Amino acid sequence: MLNLQQDLDGFIHMGRHFPNKITIAITFTDGTRGEFSGARLNELYDEALAAYRLGNSLDAKGFDRAPAKIHRRNAVEIVPVSSDMAQ
């Protein structure tokens, strides 16, 4: 089992997918604790990545089709979570 801590802004740090069958315990800022499957956190990660790409005008593969002067990393490392998201 993997243990993660929610930060004060409501996010967990997750820079990659977890194995689907792993159980991950998250301690929330209010002191409660919830258990998520790796598959569920992977879904939340994918949603956060899609929102990041949409908000930054990137396509589904993460490429900016317009010329850009600054190269930004095409990834998210924080995922919003709350206790009602565990399913």
N, C-alpha and C. Protein backbone atom coordinates (compact mmCIF):
# COMPACT_ATOMS: atom_id res chain seq x y z
N MET A 1 0.84 -1.17 0.00
CA MET A 1 0.00 0.00 0.00
C MET A 1 0.89 1.24 0.00
N LEU A 2 0.50 2.20 -0.77
CA LEU A 2 1.21 3.47 -0.88
C LEU A 2 0.43 4.53 -0.11
N ASN A 3 1.12 5.38 0.62
CA ASN A 3 0.47 6.44 1.39
C ASN A 3 0.86 7.79 0.81
N LEU A 4 -0.15 8.63 0.52
CA LEU A 4 0.08 9.97 0.01
C LEU A 4 -0.59 10.98 0.93
N GLN A 5 -0.10 12.20 0.89
CA GLN A 5 -0.63 13.29 1.72
C GLN A 5 -1.16 14.38 0.80
N GLN A 6 -2.39 14.82 1.04
CA GLN A 6 -2.95 15.92 0.28
C GLN A 6 -2.33 17.22 0.77
N ASP A 7 -1.97 18.11 -0.16
CA ASP A 7 -1.39 19.39 0.26
C ASP A 7 -2.50 20.37 0.62
N LEU A 8 -2.14 21.53 1.08
CA LEU A 8 -3.12 22.51 1.56
C LEU A 8 -4.02 23.04 0.45
N ASP A 9 -3.61 22.92 -0.79
CA ASP A 9 -4.43 23.38 -1.91
C ASP A 9 -5.37 22.30 -2.44
N GLY A 10 -5.33 21.10 -1.86
CA GLY A 10 -6.24 20.03 -2.27
C GLY A 10 -5.69 19.09 -3.32
N PHE A 11 -4.39 19.07 -3.50
CA PHE A 11 -3.76 18.25 -4.52
C PHE A 11 -2.88 17.17 -3.91
N ILE A 12 -2.64 16.12 -4.69
CA ILE A 12 -1.60 15.16 -4.37
C ILE A 12 -0.55 15.27 -5.47
N HIS A 13 0.67 14.93 -5.18
CA HIS A 13 1.74 14.96 -6.17
C HIS A 13 1.81 13.59 -6.84
N MET A 14 1.64 13.61 -8.14
CA MET A 14 1.59 12.36 -8.91
C MET A 14 2.14 12.67 -10.29
N GLY A 15 3.34 12.27 -10.58
CA GLY A 15 3.96 12.57 -11.86
C GLY A 15 3.87 11.47 -12.89
N ARG A 16 3.18 10.40 -12.55
CA ARG A 16 3.09 9.26 -13.46
C ARG A 16 1.88 8.41 -13.07
N HIS A 17 1.57 7.42 -13.90
CA HIS A 17 0.50 6.48 -13.57
C HIS A 17 1.01 5.47 -12.55
N PHE A 18 0.11 5.02 -11.70
CA PHE A 18 0.39 3.95 -10.76
C PHE A 18 -0.13 2.64 -11.35
N PRO A 19 0.36 1.49 -10.88
CA PRO A 19 -0.23 0.22 -11.31
C PRO A 19 -1.72 0.20 -10.96
N ASN A 20 -2.54 -0.33 -11.85
CA ASN A 20 -4.00 -0.29 -11.68
C ASN A 20 -4.49 -0.98 -10.42
N LYS A 21 -3.84 -2.04 -10.00
CA LYS A 21 -4.35 -2.84 -8.89
C LYS A 21 -3.80 -2.44 -7.52
N ILE A 22 -2.92 -1.44 -7.47
CA ILE A 22 -2.36 -1.02 -6.20
C ILE A 22 -3.41 -0.22 -5.41
N THR A 23 -3.34 -0.32 -4.09
CA THR A 23 -4.21 0.47 -3.22
C THR A 23 -3.39 1.62 -2.67
N ILE A 24 -3.94 2.82 -2.80
CA ILE A 24 -3.26 4.03 -2.36
C ILE A 24 -4.11 4.71 -1.31
N ALA A 25 -3.52 4.93 -0.14
CA ALA A 25 -4.21 5.63 0.94
C ALA A 25 -3.81 7.09 0.88
N ILE A 26 -4.81 7.96 0.93
CA ILE A 26 -4.55 9.40 0.91
C ILE A 26 -5.05 9.99 2.22
N THR A 27 -4.18 10.71 2.88
CA THR A 27 -4.55 11.44 4.09
C THR A 27 -4.88 12.87 3.65
N PHE A 28 -6.13 13.27 3.90
CA PHE A 28 -6.60 14.58 3.48
C PHE A 28 -6.26 15.63 4.54
N THR A 29 -6.32 16.88 4.15
CA THR A 29 -5.93 17.97 5.05
C THR A 29 -6.85 18.08 6.26
N ASP A 30 -8.07 17.57 6.16
CA ASP A 30 -8.99 17.62 7.31
C ASP A 30 -8.77 16.47 8.28
N GLY A 31 -7.79 15.61 7.99
CA GLY A 31 -7.46 14.51 8.88
C GLY A 31 -8.09 13.19 8.50
N THR A 32 -9.04 13.19 7.60
CA THR A 32 -9.66 11.94 7.16
C THR A 32 -8.72 11.21 6.22
N ARG A 33 -9.04 9.96 6.01
CA ARG A 33 -8.19 9.12 5.17
C ARG A 33 -9.08 8.34 4.23
N GLY A 34 -8.68 8.26 2.98
CA GLY A 34 -9.44 7.51 1.98
C GLY A 34 -8.53 6.59 1.21
N GLU A 35 -9.11 5.52 0.69
CA GLU A 35 -8.35 4.58 -0.11
C GLU A 35 -8.83 4.64 -1.56
N PHE A 36 -7.88 4.72 -2.46
CA PHE A 36 -8.16 4.78 -3.88
C PHE A 36 -7.44 3.62 -4.55
N SER A 37 -7.99 3.14 -5.64
CA SER A 37 -7.27 2.15 -6.45
C SER A 37 -6.34 2.92 -7.38
N GLY A 38 -5.33 2.25 -7.84
CA GLY A 38 -4.43 2.87 -8.80
C GLY A 38 -5.16 3.27 -10.07
N ALA A 39 -6.12 2.44 -10.48
CA ALA A 39 -6.90 2.75 -11.68
C ALA A 39 -7.68 4.05 -11.52
N ARG A 40 -8.28 4.26 -10.34
CA ARG A 40 -9.05 5.50 -10.10
C ARG A 40 -8.14 6.72 -10.11
N LEU A 41 -6.98 6.64 -9.46
CA LEU A 41 -6.06 7.77 -9.47
C LEU A 41 -5.51 8.02 -10.87
N ASN A 42 -5.33 6.97 -11.66
CA ASN A 42 -4.89 7.15 -13.04
C ASN A 42 -5.94 7.90 -13.85
N GLU A 43 -7.23 7.62 -13.59
CA GLU A 43 -8.31 8.35 -14.25
C GLU A 43 -8.27 9.83 -13.86
N LEU A 44 -8.07 10.10 -12.57
CA LEU A 44 -8.00 11.49 -12.11
C LEU A 44 -6.79 12.20 -12.70
N TYR A 45 -5.68 11.49 -12.84
CA TYR A 45 -4.48 12.05 -13.45
C TYR A 45 -4.75 12.41 -14.92
N ASP A 46 -5.40 11.49 -15.63
CA ASP A 46 -5.71 11.74 -17.04
C ASP A 46 -6.65 12.94 -17.20
N GLU A 47 -7.62 13.08 -16.29
CA GLU A 47 -8.52 14.23 -16.33
C GLU A 47 -7.76 15.54 -16.07
N ALA A 48 -6.85 15.51 -15.12
CA ALA A 48 -6.06 16.71 -14.81
C ALA A 48 -5.15 17.06 -15.99
N LEU A 49 -4.59 16.05 -16.65
CA LEU A 49 -3.74 16.29 -17.80
C LEU A 49 -4.55 16.87 -18.96
N ALA A 50 -5.75 16.34 -19.18
CA ALA A 50 -6.61 16.86 -20.25
C ALA A 50 -7.00 18.31 -19.97
N ALA A 51 -7.31 18.62 -18.71
CA ALA A 51 -7.66 20.00 -18.35
C ALA A 51 -6.47 20.93 -18.54
N TYR A 52 -5.28 20.47 -18.20
CA TYR A 52 -4.06 21.26 -18.39
C TYR A 52 -3.84 21.55 -19.88
N ARG A 53 -3.98 20.51 -20.70
CA ARG A 53 -3.77 20.70 -22.13
C ARG A 53 -4.81 21.62 -22.74
N LEU A 54 -6.07 21.49 -22.31
CA LEU A 54 -7.13 22.35 -22.81
C LEU A 54 -6.88 23.80 -22.40
N GLY A 55 -6.48 23.99 -21.16
CA GLY A 55 -6.23 25.33 -20.65
C GLY A 55 -5.02 26.01 -21.26
N ASN A 56 -4.13 25.22 -21.82
CA ASN A 56 -2.92 25.77 -22.43
C ASN A 56 -2.92 25.64 -23.95
N SER A 57 -4.10 25.39 -24.53
CA SER A 57 -4.28 25.30 -25.99
C SER A 57 -3.36 24.27 -26.63
N LEU A 58 -3.24 23.10 -26.01
CA LEU A 58 -2.45 22.01 -26.56
C LEU A 58 -3.38 20.96 -27.14
N ASP A 59 -2.90 20.20 -28.12
CA ASP A 59 -3.74 19.16 -28.69
C ASP A 59 -3.71 17.91 -27.80
N ALA A 60 -4.37 16.84 -28.23
CA ALA A 60 -4.51 15.64 -27.40
C ALA A 60 -3.16 14.98 -27.11
N LYS A 61 -2.19 15.18 -27.96
CA LYS A 61 -0.87 14.61 -27.73
C LYS A 61 0.02 15.56 -26.94
N GLY A 62 -0.46 16.75 -26.66
CA GLY A 62 0.30 17.70 -25.87
C GLY A 62 1.16 18.65 -26.67
N PHE A 63 0.90 18.73 -27.99
CA PHE A 63 1.69 19.63 -28.83
C PHE A 63 0.95 20.93 -29.05
N ASP A 64 1.68 22.00 -29.03
CA ASP A 64 1.15 23.31 -29.36
C ASP A 64 1.39 23.49 -30.85
N ARG A 65 0.34 23.56 -31.61
CA ARG A 65 0.48 23.65 -33.06
C ARG A 65 0.82 25.06 -33.53
N ALA A 66 0.69 26.04 -32.66
CA ALA A 66 1.08 27.41 -33.00
C ALA A 66 2.54 27.60 -32.61
N PRO A 67 3.27 28.45 -33.33
CA PRO A 67 4.66 28.68 -32.96
C PRO A 67 4.76 29.26 -31.55
N ALA A 68 5.70 28.76 -30.81
CA ALA A 68 5.88 29.24 -29.44
C ALA A 68 7.34 29.59 -29.23
N LYS A 69 7.58 30.58 -28.40
CA LYS A 69 8.95 30.98 -28.10
C LYS A 69 9.48 30.26 -26.86
N ILE A 70 8.58 29.79 -26.02
CA ILE A 70 9.00 29.14 -24.78
C ILE A 70 8.49 27.71 -24.80
N HIS A 71 9.39 26.78 -24.53
CA HIS A 71 9.00 25.37 -24.44
C HIS A 71 8.64 25.07 -22.99
N ARG A 72 7.45 24.59 -22.78
CA ARG A 72 7.03 24.22 -21.43
C ARG A 72 6.89 22.71 -21.37
N ARG A 73 7.12 22.18 -20.23
CA ARG A 73 6.99 20.75 -20.02
C ARG A 73 5.53 20.36 -20.17
N ASN A 74 5.28 19.31 -20.89
CA ASN A 74 3.92 18.86 -21.18
C ASN A 74 3.50 17.77 -20.20
N ALA A 75 3.33 18.14 -18.96
CA ALA A 75 2.93 17.16 -17.94
C ALA A 75 2.34 17.90 -16.75
N VAL A 76 1.62 17.16 -15.96
CA VAL A 76 1.13 17.68 -14.69
C VAL A 76 1.76 16.85 -13.60
N GLU A 77 1.99 17.45 -12.46
CA GLU A 77 2.54 16.71 -11.34
C GLU A 77 1.64 16.78 -10.13
N ILE A 78 0.56 17.55 -10.24
CA ILE A 78 -0.38 17.63 -9.13
C ILE A 78 -1.77 17.27 -9.64
N VAL A 79 -2.51 16.55 -8.82
CA VAL A 79 -3.84 16.08 -9.19
C VAL A 79 -4.80 16.48 -8.07
N PRO A 80 -5.91 17.15 -8.39
CA PRO A 80 -6.86 17.50 -7.34
C PRO A 80 -7.61 16.25 -6.87
N VAL A 81 -7.75 16.09 -5.55
CA VAL A 81 -8.48 14.96 -4.99
C VAL A 81 -9.35 15.44 -3.83
N SER A 82 -10.40 14.69 -3.58
CA SER A 82 -11.23 14.91 -2.40
C SER A 82 -11.76 13.55 -1.96
N SER A 83 -12.24 13.48 -0.76
CA SER A 83 -12.64 12.19 -0.20
C SER A 83 -13.83 11.58 -0.94
N ASP A 84 -14.65 12.38 -1.61
CA ASP A 84 -15.80 11.82 -2.32
C ASP A 84 -15.44 11.28 -3.70
N MET A 85 -14.19 11.37 -4.10
CA MET A 85 -13.77 10.87 -5.42
C MET A 85 -13.43 9.39 -5.41
N ALA A 86 -13.22 8.79 -4.27
CA ALA A 86 -12.87 7.37 -4.19
C ALA A 86 -14.08 6.53 -4.56
N GLN A 87 -13.88 5.64 -5.50
CA GLN A 87 -14.98 4.75 -5.91
C GLN A 87 -14.46 3.40 -6.28
